[in-house]
Amino acid sequence: MSVPMAYLGVIVIWTTTPLAIQWSGDGPGFLFGVASRMSIAAVVALIMVALLGYGMRWDRQARRAYVAAGLGIYLAMLCVYWSAQQIPSGWISVIFGLSPLITSLFAYLWQGERGVSPTQVGGMLLGVLGLAVMFGSSLDMASSVVYGMLAILLGVTFHSASGVIVKQINADIPAIVQTAGGLLVATPLFDLTWYLFDGVWPVSLPFKAALSILYLATFGSVLGFALYFFVLKRLAATQVALITLITPVGALLLGHLVQNEPLSLTIIAGTALILCGLALFQFGAVQLARLQRLQLAAGEEG
């Protein structure tokens, strides 16, 4: 598979995932929704690993990568699923748009990646301003909306940290194997969480919730994570995180058209500020990389 096609696939899946997450919790509850999704996804991922003839790797480096990915999946998705019951689905994608900024911070602190230019600082400030506008908009709604936004922000942090750690471990294993390994770590945690805090098997499962769980298990988890780890191996973590520049717009429009979710001028303004900040941040990253290449070339000539 080509990197551009995988990149596009992640965009489409991540655009539709927030709404599907919200639907999957209608009736059975969000803990059953996420636990059943991950349980099905783990089985499907292992079947795909077997069919593709890869086999699971169990050396120390592979186990570390599985744990890093699995804990990231568990912590981030737990935050996402809970907050999806509190805030409009499109907002999930918008706030996740901040992941390039958080990813860059972690990459700088843990991997010693290049520093931050003044242009990137400006992009960060715009992103923070956009987030503040979104928070301001949430104050006009129920207090649970504010808590939902905070939970999503926490989920973004877990997701970004996990991506950088997986990149740092560099286990060099196929994307579907990485996905299966991560799900093998995350699924028991989700199942245990459901058992401890809910544990009630639903008497009936609404068709929309069942369909959403199946979609999320196959596309949102197995295919989505496989494509994500595929591009993560071939691109810098910050480049992968730029997917969130595109998905917020699609997710907001989808939520508005399908669920009539609010799309006020304040929400649009906050989203625009976040996306402009991310675009400015990436532009600064390109400038900084070009400057460092010129400095390196000048040093070699000297």
C-alpha atoms as a PDB file:
ATOM      1  CA  MET A   1       0.000   0.000   0.000  1.00  0.00           C
ATOM      2  CA  SER A   2       1.220   3.487  -0.835  1.00  0.00           C
ATOM      3  CA  VAL A   3       1.726   5.988   1.961  1.00  0.00           C
ATOM      4  CA  PRO A   4      -0.661   8.584   0.394  1.00  0.00           C
ATOM      5  CA  MET A   5      -3.500   6.022   0.157  1.00  0.00           C
ATOM      6  CA  ALA A   6      -2.936   4.924   3.751  1.00  0.00           C
ATOM      7  CA  TYR A   7      -2.835   8.569   4.829  1.00  0.00           C
ATOM      8  CA  LEU A   8      -6.159   9.225   3.047  1.00  0.00           C
ATOM      9  CA  GLY A   9      -7.686   6.131   4.624  1.00  0.00           C
ATOM     10  CA  VAL A  10      -6.828   7.362   8.110  1.00  0.00           C
ATOM     11  CA  ILE A  11      -8.432  10.733   7.317  1.00  0.00           C
ATOM     12  CA  VAL A  12     -11.713   9.146   6.176  1.00  0.00           C
ATOM     13  CA  ILE A  13     -11.873   6.772   9.141  1.00  0.00           C
ATOM     14  CA  TRP A  14     -11.004   9.426  11.707  1.00  0.00           C
ATOM     15  CA  THR A  15     -13.600  11.784  10.218  1.00  0.00           C
ATOM     16  CA  THR A  16     -16.418   9.284  10.701  1.00  0.00           C
ATOM     17  CA  THR A  17     -15.203   7.751  13.965  1.00  0.00           C
ATOM     18  CA  PRO A  18     -16.463  10.425  16.444  1.00  0.00           C
ATOM     19  CA  LEU A  19     -20.078  10.090  15.305  1.00  0.00           C
ATOM     20  CA  ALA A  20     -19.854   6.294  15.308  1.00  0.00           C
ATOM     21  CA  ILE A  21     -18.423   6.380  18.853  1.00  0.00           C
ATOM     22  CA  GLN A  22     -21.363   8.455  20.006  1.00  0.00           C
ATOM     23  CA  TRP A  23     -23.859   6.090  18.382  1.00  0.00           C
ATOM     24  CA  SER A  24     -22.172   2.959  19.781  1.00  0.00           C
ATOM     25  CA  GLY A  25     -22.964   4.085  23.333  1.00  0.00           C
ATOM     26  CA  ASP A  26     -26.673   4.634  22.676  1.00  0.00           C
ATOM     27  CA  GLY A  27     -28.450   1.977  24.706  1.00  0.00           C
ATOM     28  CA  PRO A  28     -25.716  -0.321  26.048  1.00  0.00           C
ATOM     29  CA  GLY A  29     -23.547   2.460  27.504  1.00  0.00           C
ATOM     30  CA  PHE A  30     -20.139   3.726  26.424  1.00  0.00           C
ATOM     31  CA  LEU A  31     -18.123   1.157  28.426  1.00  0.00           C
ATOM     32  CA  PHE A  32     -19.878  -1.758  26.733  1.00  0.00           C
ATOM     33  CA  GLY A  33     -19.455   0.038  23.398  1.00  0.00           C
ATOM     34  CA  VAL A  34     -15.688   0.421  23.703  1.00  0.00           C
ATOM     35  CA  ALA A  35     -15.091  -2.986  25.345  1.00  0.00           C
ATOM     36  CA  SER A  36     -17.065  -4.881  22.688  1.00  0.00           C
ATOM     37  CA  ARG A  37     -15.411  -2.860  19.922  1.00  0.00           C
ATOM     38  CA  MET A  38     -11.911  -3.682  21.114  1.00  0.00           C
ATOM     39  CA  SER A  39     -12.720  -7.340  21.804  1.00  0.00           C
ATOM     40  CA  ILE A  40     -14.007  -7.841  18.251  1.00  0.00           C
ATOM     41  CA  ALA A  41     -11.124  -5.823  16.845  1.00  0.00           C
ATOM     42  CA  ALA A  42      -8.510  -7.931  18.644  1.00  0.00           C
ATOM     43  CA  VAL A  43      -9.942 -11.132  17.177  1.00  0.00           C
ATOM     44  CA  VAL A  44     -10.149  -9.649  13.668  1.00  0.00           C
ATOM     45  CA  ALA A  45      -6.577  -8.317  13.914  1.00  0.00           C
ATOM     46  CA  LEU A  46      -5.197 -11.711  14.963  1.00  0.00           C
ATOM     47  CA  ILE A  47      -7.054 -13.407  12.093  1.00  0.00           C
ATOM     48  CA  MET A  48      -5.565 -10.887   9.648  1.00  0.00           C
ATOM     49  CA  VAL A  49      -2.070 -11.474  11.049  1.00  0.00           C
ATOM     50  CA  ALA A  50      -2.521 -15.216  10.501  1.00  0.00           C
ATOM     51  CA  LEU A  51      -3.988 -14.826   7.000  1.00  0.00           C
ATOM     52  CA  LEU A  52      -1.168 -12.515   5.942  1.00  0.00           C
ATOM     53  CA  GLY A  53       1.367 -15.010   7.249  1.00  0.00           C
ATOM     54  CA  TYR A  54       3.215 -12.592   9.519  1.00  0.00           C
ATOM     55  CA  GLY A  55       2.963 -14.186  12.930  1.00  0.00           C
ATOM     56  CA  MET A  56       3.276 -12.260  16.182  1.00  0.00           C
ATOM     57  CA  ARG A  57       6.684 -11.191  17.431  1.00  0.00           C
ATOM     58  CA  TRP A  58       7.364 -11.608  21.146  1.00  0.00           C
ATOM     59  CA  ASP A  59      10.904 -10.306  21.571  1.00  0.00           C
ATOM     60  CA  ARG A  60      11.537  -7.592  24.150  1.00  0.00           C
ATOM     61  CA  GLN A  61      11.421  -4.701  21.659  1.00  0.00           C
ATOM     62  CA  ALA A  62       8.131  -5.902  20.166  1.00  0.00           C
ATOM     63  CA  ARG A  63       6.574  -6.332  23.615  1.00  0.00           C
ATOM     64  CA  ARG A  64       7.584  -2.793  24.538  1.00  0.00           C
ATOM     65  CA  ALA A  65       5.960  -1.485  21.352  1.00  0.00           C
ATOM     66  CA  TYR A  66       2.751  -3.438  22.079  1.00  0.00           C
ATOM     67  CA  VAL A  67       2.555  -2.055  25.609  1.00  0.00           C
ATOM     68  CA  ALA A  68       3.197   1.516  24.467  1.00  0.00           C
ATOM     69  CA  ALA A  69       0.550   1.252  21.749  1.00  0.00           C
ATOM     70  CA  GLY A  70      -1.934  -0.630  23.923  1.00  0.00           C
ATOM     71  CA  LEU A  71      -1.769   1.779  26.853  1.00  0.00           C
ATOM     72  CA  GLY A  72      -2.155   4.674  24.425  1.00  0.00           C
ATOM     73  CA  ILE A  73      -5.235   3.045  22.888  1.00  0.00           C
ATOM     74  CA  TYR A  74      -6.751   2.277  26.288  1.00  0.00           C
ATOM     75  CA  LEU A  75      -6.211   5.648  27.955  1.00  0.00           C
ATOM     76  CA  ALA A  76      -7.016   7.784  24.911  1.00  0.00           C
ATOM     77  CA  MET A  77     -10.126   5.827  23.879  1.00  0.00           C
ATOM     78  CA  LEU A  78     -11.476   5.726  27.416  1.00  0.00           C
ATOM     79  CA  CYS A  79     -11.329   9.521  27.501  1.00  0.00           C
ATOM     80  CA  VAL A  80     -12.853   9.799  24.025  1.00  0.00           C
ATOM     81  CA  TYR A  81     -15.754   7.421  24.698  1.00  0.00           C
ATOM     82  CA  TRP A  82     -16.694   9.116  27.954  1.00  0.00           C
ATOM     83  CA  SER A  83     -16.528  12.611  26.491  1.00  0.00           C
ATOM     84  CA  ALA A  84     -18.510  11.547  23.396  1.00  0.00           C
ATOM     85  CA  GLN A  85     -21.519  11.285  25.698  1.00  0.00           C
ATOM     86  CA  GLN A  86     -20.995  14.869  26.883  1.00  0.00           C
ATOM     87  CA  ILE A  87     -20.055  16.948  23.822  1.00  0.00           C
ATOM     88  CA  PRO A  88     -21.001  17.168  20.113  1.00  0.00           C
ATOM     89  CA  SER A  89     -19.165  14.495  18.114  1.00  0.00           C
ATOM     90  CA  GLY A  90     -17.485  17.022  15.813  1.00  0.00           C
ATOM     91  CA  TRP A  91     -15.753  18.684  18.745  1.00  0.00           C
ATOM     92  CA  ILE A  92     -13.800  15.499  19.414  1.00  0.00           C
ATOM     93  CA  SER A  93     -12.015  15.810  16.099  1.00  0.00           C
ATOM     94  CA  VAL A  94     -11.444  19.547  16.555  1.00  0.00           C
ATOM     95  CA  ILE A  95      -9.745  19.165  19.936  1.00  0.00           C
ATOM     96  CA  PHE A  96      -7.760  16.199  18.638  1.00  0.00           C
ATOM     97  CA  GLY A  97      -6.419  18.694  16.113  1.00  0.00           C
ATOM     98  CA  LEU A  98      -4.091  19.886  18.868  1.00  0.00           C
ATOM     99  CA  SER A  99      -2.169  16.603  18.777  1.00  0.00           C
ATOM    100  CA  PRO A 100       0.599  17.908  16.448  1.00  0.00           C
ATOM    101  CA  LEU A 101       1.472  20.552  19.033  1.00  0.00           C
ATOM    102  CA  ILE A 102       1.546  18.071  21.908  1.00  0.00           C
ATOM    103  CA  THR A 103       3.316  15.471  19.760  1.00  0.00           C
ATOM    104  CA  SER A 104       6.033  17.966  18.847  1.00  0.00           C
ATOM    105  CA  LEU A 105       6.529  18.828  22.501  1.00  0.00           C
ATOM    106  CA  PHE A 106       6.954  15.173  23.462  1.00  0.00           C
ATOM    107  CA  ALA A 107       9.202  14.496  20.448  1.00  0.00           C
ATOM    108  CA  TYR A 108      11.403  17.452  21.434  1.00  0.00           C
ATOM    109  CA  LEU A 109      11.617  16.375  25.088  1.00  0.00           C
ATOM    110  CA  TRP A 110      12.047  12.626  24.547  1.00  0.00           C
ATOM    111  CA  GLN A 111      13.644  12.246  21.126  1.00  0.00           C
ATOM    112  CA  GLY A 112      15.703  15.391  20.902  1.00  0.00           C
ATOM    113  CA  GLU A 113      13.998  16.447  17.664  1.00  0.00           C
ATOM    114  CA  ARG A 114      14.649  19.910  16.272  1.00  0.00           C
ATOM    115  CA  GLY A 115      13.680  22.914  18.343  1.00  0.00           C
ATOM    116  CA  VAL A 116      10.737  25.228  17.902  1.00  0.00           C
ATOM    117  CA  SER A 117      10.925  28.298  15.683  1.00  0.00           C
ATOM    118  CA  PRO A 118       9.176  31.632  16.399  1.00  0.00           C
ATOM    119  CA  THR A 119       6.670  30.798  13.652  1.00  0.00           C
ATOM    120  CA  GLN A 120       5.825  27.536  15.401  1.00  0.00           C
ATOM    121  CA  VAL A 121       5.407  29.361  18.697  1.00  0.00           C
ATOM    122  CA  GLY A 122       2.933  31.650  16.957  1.00  0.00           C
ATOM    123  CA  GLY A 123       1.073  28.590  15.681  1.00  0.00           C
ATOM    124  CA  MET A 124       0.926  27.153  19.189  1.00  0.00           C
ATOM    125  CA  LEU A 125      -0.487  30.401  20.556  1.00  0.00           C
ATOM    126  CA  LEU A 126      -3.159  30.444  17.844  1.00  0.00           C
ATOM    127  CA  GLY A 127      -4.067  26.858  18.692  1.00  0.00           C
ATOM    128  CA  VAL A 128      -4.365  27.677  22.391  1.00  0.00           C
ATOM    129  CA  LEU A 129      -6.491  30.716  21.532  1.00  0.00           C
ATOM    130  CA  GLY A 130      -8.788  28.556  19.404  1.00  0.00           C
ATOM    131  CA  LEU A 131      -9.110  26.064  22.258  1.00  0.00           C
ATOM    132  CA  ALA A 132      -9.981  28.933  24.616  1.00  0.00           C
ATOM    133  CA  VAL A 133     -12.712  30.072  22.221  1.00  0.00           C
ATOM    134  CA  MET A 134     -14.101  26.517  22.126  1.00  0.00           C
ATOM    135  CA  PHE A 135     -14.091  26.413  25.932  1.00  0.00           C
ATOM    136  CA  GLY A 136     -15.873  29.770  25.986  1.00  0.00           C
ATOM    137  CA  SER A 137     -18.554  28.352  23.730  1.00  0.00           C
ATOM    138  CA  SER A 138     -18.983  25.351  26.026  1.00  0.00           C
ATOM    139  CA  LEU A 139     -19.731  27.630  28.990  1.00  0.00           C
ATOM    140  CA  ASP A 140     -23.066  28.469  27.365  1.00  0.00           C
ATOM    141  CA  MET A 141     -23.987  24.774  27.504  1.00  0.00           C
ATOM    142  CA  ALA A 142     -24.221  22.257  30.350  1.00  0.00           C
ATOM    143  CA  SER A 143     -21.291  21.942  32.749  1.00  0.00           C
ATOM    144  CA  SER A 144     -20.753  18.379  31.512  1.00  0.00           C
ATOM    145  CA  VAL A 145     -19.619  19.828  28.173  1.00  0.00           C
ATOM    146  CA  VAL A 146     -16.643  21.501  29.861  1.00  0.00           C
ATOM    147  CA  TYR A 147     -15.669  18.229  31.537  1.00  0.00           C
ATOM    148  CA  GLY A 148     -16.058  16.476  28.195  1.00  0.00           C
ATOM    149  CA  MET A 149     -13.630  18.898  26.565  1.00  0.00           C
ATOM    150  CA  LEU A 150     -11.108  18.426  29.361  1.00  0.00           C
ATOM    151  CA  ALA A 151     -11.372  14.644  28.967  1.00  0.00           C
ATOM    152  CA  ILE A 152     -10.751  14.907  25.219  1.00  0.00           C
ATOM    153  CA  LEU A 153      -7.708  17.101  25.858  1.00  0.00           C
ATOM    154  CA  LEU A 154      -6.390  14.439  28.235  1.00  0.00           C
ATOM    155  CA  GLY A 155      -7.050  11.788  25.591  1.00  0.00           C
ATOM    156  CA  VAL A 156      -5.078  13.784  23.029  1.00  0.00           C
ATOM    157  CA  THR A 157      -2.142  13.877  25.442  1.00  0.00           C
ATOM    158  CA  PHE A 158      -2.199  10.097  25.893  1.00  0.00           C
ATOM    159  CA  HIS A 159      -2.529   9.535  22.138  1.00  0.00           C
ATOM    160  CA  SER A 160       0.369  11.853  21.291  1.00  0.00           C
ATOM    161  CA  ALA A 161       2.638  10.401  23.959  1.00  0.00           C
ATOM    162  CA  SER A 162       1.934   6.863  22.765  1.00  0.00           C
ATOM    163  CA  GLY A 163       2.718   7.731  19.142  1.00  0.00           C
ATOM    164  CA  VAL A 164       6.073   9.257  20.038  1.00  0.00           C
ATOM    165  CA  ILE A 165       7.038   6.329  22.292  1.00  0.00           C
ATOM    166  CA  VAL A 166       6.139   3.756  19.593  1.00  0.00           C
ATOM    167  CA  LYS A 167       8.213   5.755  17.134  1.00  0.00           C
ATOM    168  CA  GLN A 168      11.095   5.888  19.610  1.00  0.00           C
ATOM    169  CA  ILE A 169      11.018   2.125  20.261  1.00  0.00           C
ATOM    170  CA  ASN A 170      11.201   1.531  16.487  1.00  0.00           C
ATOM    171  CA  ALA A 171      10.427  -2.183  16.700  1.00  0.00           C
ATOM    172  CA  ASP A 172      10.293  -2.537  12.897  1.00  0.00           C
ATOM    173  CA  ILE A 173       7.247  -4.818  12.829  1.00  0.00           C
ATOM    174  CA  PRO A 174       4.389  -4.866  10.275  1.00  0.00           C
ATOM    175  CA  ALA A 175       1.589  -2.402  10.963  1.00  0.00           C
ATOM    176  CA  ILE A 176      -1.082  -5.084  11.394  1.00  0.00           C
ATOM    177  CA  VAL A 177       1.136  -6.941  13.887  1.00  0.00           C
ATOM    178  CA  GLN A 178       1.678  -3.710  15.803  1.00  0.00           C
ATOM    179  CA  THR A 179      -2.085  -3.181  15.792  1.00  0.00           C
ATOM    180  CA  ALA A 180      -2.823  -6.699  17.013  1.00  0.00           C
ATOM    181  CA  GLY A 181      -0.210  -6.410  19.748  1.00  0.00           C
ATOM    182  CA  GLY A 182      -1.572  -3.085  20.931  1.00  0.00           C
ATOM    183  CA  LEU A 183      -5.139  -4.444  20.967  1.00  0.00           C
ATOM    184  CA  LEU A 184      -4.028  -7.530  22.933  1.00  0.00           C
ATOM    185  CA  VAL A 185      -2.795  -5.147  25.629  1.00  0.00           C
ATOM    186  CA  ALA A 186      -5.753  -2.746  25.501  1.00  0.00           C
ATOM    187  CA  THR A 187      -8.665  -5.205  25.220  1.00  0.00           C
ATOM    188  CA  PRO A 188      -8.307  -6.910  28.655  1.00  0.00           C
ATOM    189  CA  LEU A 189      -8.073  -3.457  30.233  1.00  0.00           C
ATOM    190  CA  PHE A 190     -11.288  -2.341  28.530  1.00  0.00           C
ATOM    191  CA  ASP A 191     -13.082  -5.574  29.439  1.00  0.00           C
ATOM    192  CA  LEU A 192     -11.975  -5.306  33.072  1.00  0.00           C
ATOM    193  CA  THR A 193     -13.061  -1.655  33.219  1.00  0.00           C
ATOM    194  CA  TRP A 194     -16.508  -2.557  31.846  1.00  0.00           C
ATOM    195  CA  TYR A 195     -16.843  -5.442  34.321  1.00  0.00           C
ATOM    196  CA  LEU A 196     -15.868  -3.331  37.339  1.00  0.00           C
ATOM    197  CA  PHE A 197     -17.864  -0.194  36.540  1.00  0.00           C
ATOM    198  CA  ASP A 198     -20.843  -1.637  34.653  1.00  0.00           C
ATOM    199  CA  GLY A 199     -20.813  -5.387  34.148  1.00  0.00           C
ATOM    200  CA  VAL A 200     -24.430  -5.507  32.952  1.00  0.00           C
ATOM    201  CA  TRP A 201     -24.937  -7.356  29.674  1.00  0.00           C
ATOM    202  CA  PRO A 202     -27.474  -5.400  27.558  1.00  0.00           C
ATOM    203  CA  VAL A 203     -30.831  -7.118  27.140  1.00  0.00           C
ATOM    204  CA  SER A 204     -31.173  -5.648  23.650  1.00  0.00           C
ATOM    205  CA  LEU A 205     -28.784  -3.818  21.373  1.00  0.00           C
ATOM    206  CA  PRO A 206     -30.160  -1.081  19.083  1.00  0.00           C
ATOM    207  CA  PHE A 207     -29.360  -1.667  15.416  1.00  0.00           C
ATOM    208  CA  LYS A 208     -27.511   1.652  15.082  1.00  0.00           C
ATOM    209  CA  ALA A 209     -25.364   0.896  18.133  1.00  0.00           C
ATOM    210  CA  ALA A 210     -24.571  -2.637  16.908  1.00  0.00           C
ATOM    211  CA  LEU A 211     -23.665  -1.393  13.430  1.00  0.00           C
ATOM    212  CA  SER A 212     -21.483   1.357  14.913  1.00  0.00           C
ATOM    213  CA  ILE A 213     -19.631  -1.140  17.129  1.00  0.00           C
ATOM    214  CA  LEU A 214     -18.942  -3.406  14.143  1.00  0.00           C
ATOM    215  CA  TYR A 215     -17.792  -0.448  12.014  1.00  0.00           C
ATOM    216  CA  LEU A 216     -15.510   0.812  14.765  1.00  0.00           C
ATOM    217  CA  ALA A 217     -14.114  -2.681  15.424  1.00  0.00           C
ATOM    218  CA  THR A 218     -13.234  -3.409  11.794  1.00  0.00           C
ATOM    219  CA  PHE A 219     -12.538   0.009  10.278  1.00  0.00           C
ATOM    220  CA  GLY A 220     -11.997   2.274  13.274  1.00  0.00           C
ATOM    221  CA  SER A 221      -9.756  -0.164  15.136  1.00  0.00           C
ATOM    222  CA  VAL A 222      -8.130  -2.788  12.919  1.00  0.00           C
ATOM    223  CA  LEU A 223      -7.921  -0.963   9.592  1.00  0.00           C
ATOM    224  CA  GLY A 224      -7.626   2.485  11.170  1.00  0.00           C
ATOM    225  CA  PHE A 225      -4.872   1.543  13.602  1.00  0.00           C
ATOM    226  CA  ALA A 226      -3.068  -0.546  10.968  1.00  0.00           C
ATOM    227  CA  LEU A 227      -3.021   2.385   8.548  1.00  0.00           C
ATOM    228  CA  TYR A 228      -2.014   4.715  11.370  1.00  0.00           C
ATOM    229  CA  PHE A 229       0.976   2.581  12.402  1.00  0.00           C
ATOM    230  CA  PHE A 230       1.808   2.040   8.701  1.00  0.00           C
ATOM    231  CA  VAL A 231       2.239   5.763   8.064  1.00  0.00           C
ATOM    232  CA  LEU A 232       3.778   6.281  11.518  1.00  0.00           C
ATOM    233  CA  LYS A 233       6.655   3.977  10.528  1.00  0.00           C
ATOM    234  CA  ARG A 234       7.285   5.894   7.311  1.00  0.00           C
ATOM    235  CA  LEU A 235       6.693   9.504   8.353  1.00  0.00           C
ATOM    236  CA  ALA A 236       7.717  11.665  11.285  1.00  0.00           C
ATOM    237  CA  ALA A 237       5.292  11.595  14.225  1.00  0.00           C
ATOM    238  CA  THR A 238       4.503  15.271  13.667  1.00  0.00           C
ATOM    239  CA  GLN A 239       3.620  14.615  10.005  1.00  0.00           C
ATOM    240  CA  VAL A 240       1.244  11.836  10.983  1.00  0.00           C
ATOM    241  CA  ALA A 241      -0.419  14.111  13.519  1.00  0.00           C
ATOM    242  CA  LEU A 242      -1.172  16.616  10.734  1.00  0.00           C
ATOM    243  CA  ILE A 243      -4.036  14.337   9.673  1.00  0.00           C
ATOM    244  CA  THR A 244      -5.970  16.180  12.334  1.00  0.00           C
ATOM    245  CA  LEU A 245      -5.740  19.351  10.257  1.00  0.00           C
ATOM    246  CA  ILE A 246      -8.277  17.871   7.853  1.00  0.00           C
ATOM    247  CA  THR A 247     -10.559  15.651   9.914  1.00  0.00           C
ATOM    248  CA  PRO A 248     -12.075  18.389  12.170  1.00  0.00           C
ATOM    249  CA  VAL A 249     -13.808  20.123   9.270  1.00  0.00           C
ATOM    250  CA  GLY A 250     -15.314  16.894   7.966  1.00  0.00           C
ATOM    251  CA  ALA A 251     -16.341  15.719  11.442  1.00  0.00           C
ATOM    252  CA  LEU A 252     -18.018  19.042  12.289  1.00  0.00           C
ATOM    253  CA  LEU A 253     -19.971  19.059   9.028  1.00  0.00           C
ATOM    254  CA  LEU A 254     -20.931  15.403   9.403  1.00  0.00           C
ATOM    255  CA  GLY A 255     -22.190  15.928  12.954  1.00  0.00           C
ATOM    256  CA  HIS A 256     -24.139  19.006  11.914  1.00  0.00           C
ATOM    257  CA  LEU A 257     -25.745  17.389   8.865  1.00  0.00           C
ATOM    258  CA  VAL A 258     -26.503  13.988  10.407  1.00  0.00           C
ATOM    259  CA  GLN A 259     -27.216  14.894  14.043  1.00  0.00           C
ATOM    260  CA  ASN A 260     -27.995  18.595  13.792  1.00  0.00           C
ATOM    261  CA  GLU A 261     -25.150  19.362  16.192  1.00  0.00           C
ATOM    262  CA  PRO A 262     -24.566  23.057  16.930  1.00  0.00           C
ATOM    263  CA  LEU A 263     -22.372  24.895  14.451  1.00  0.00           C
ATOM    264  CA  SER A 264     -22.347  28.484  15.696  1.00  0.00           C
ATOM    265  CA  LEU A 265     -19.999  31.245  14.604  1.00  0.00           C
ATOM    266  CA  THR A 266     -18.093  30.846  17.874  1.00  0.00           C
ATOM    267  CA  ILE A 267     -17.463  27.157  17.201  1.00  0.00           C
ATOM    268  CA  ILE A 268     -16.430  27.900  13.616  1.00  0.00           C
ATOM    269  CA  ALA A 269     -14.091  30.668  14.834  1.00  0.00           C
ATOM    270  CA  GLY A 270     -12.479  28.414  17.442  1.00  0.00           C
ATOM    271  CA  THR A 271     -12.020  25.637  14.897  1.00  0.00           C
ATOM    272  CA  ALA A 272     -10.551  28.062  12.348  1.00  0.00           C
ATOM    273  CA  LEU A 273      -8.060  29.397  14.906  1.00  0.00           C
ATOM    274  CA  ILE A 274      -6.921  25.888  15.823  1.00  0.00           C
ATOM    275  CA  LEU A 275      -6.501  24.860  12.182  1.00  0.00           C
ATOM    276  CA  CYS A 276      -4.709  28.104  11.266  1.00  0.00           C
ATOM    277  CA  GLY A 277      -2.426  27.612  14.249  1.00  0.00           C
ATOM    278  CA  LEU A 278      -1.610  24.087  13.117  1.00  0.00           C
ATOM    279  CA  ALA A 279      -0.954  25.243   9.562  1.00  0.00           C
ATOM    280  CA  LEU A 280       1.347  27.993  10.844  1.00  0.00           C
ATOM    281  CA  PHE A 281       3.080  25.487  13.116  1.00  0.00           C
ATOM    282  CA  GLN A 282       3.771  23.135  10.206  1.00  0.00           C
ATOM    283  CA  PHE A 283       4.997  26.020   8.035  1.00  0.00           C
ATOM    284  CA  GLY A 284       7.433  26.932  10.806  1.00  0.00           C
ATOM    285  CA  ALA A 285       8.593  23.304  10.988  1.00  0.00           C
ATOM    286  CA  VAL A 286       9.367  23.322   7.253  1.00  0.00           C
ATOM    287  CA  GLN A 287      11.252  26.604   7.593  1.00  0.00           C
ATOM    288  CA  LEU A 288      13.270  25.280  10.527  1.00  0.00           C
ATOM    289  CA  ALA A 289      14.165  22.063   8.696  1.00  0.00           C
ATOM    290  CA  ARG A 290      15.314  24.033   5.640  1.00  0.00           C
ATOM    291  CA  LEU A 291      17.464  26.310   7.815  1.00  0.00           C
ATOM    292  CA  GLN A 292      19.059  23.347   9.570  1.00  0.00           C
ATOM    293  CA  ARG A 293      19.860  21.688   6.232  1.00  0.00           C
ATOM    294  CA  LEU A 294      21.527  24.884   5.010  1.00  0.00           C
ATOM    295  CA  GLN A 295      23.540  25.149   8.213  1.00  0.00           C
ATOM    296  CA  LEU A 296      24.608  21.511   7.934  1.00  0.00           C
ATOM    297  CA  ALA A 297      25.647  21.989   4.288  1.00  0.00           C
ATOM    298  CA  ALA A 298      27.605  25.120   5.177  1.00  0.00           C
ATOM    299  CA  GLY A 299      29.364  23.256   7.990  1.00  0.00           C
ATOM    300  CA  GLU A 300      30.356  20.389   5.655  1.00  0.00           C
ATOM    301  CA  GLU A 301      31.710  22.845   3.078  1.00  0.00           C
ATOM    302  CA  GLY A 302      33.688  24.637   5.789  1.00  0.00           C
END
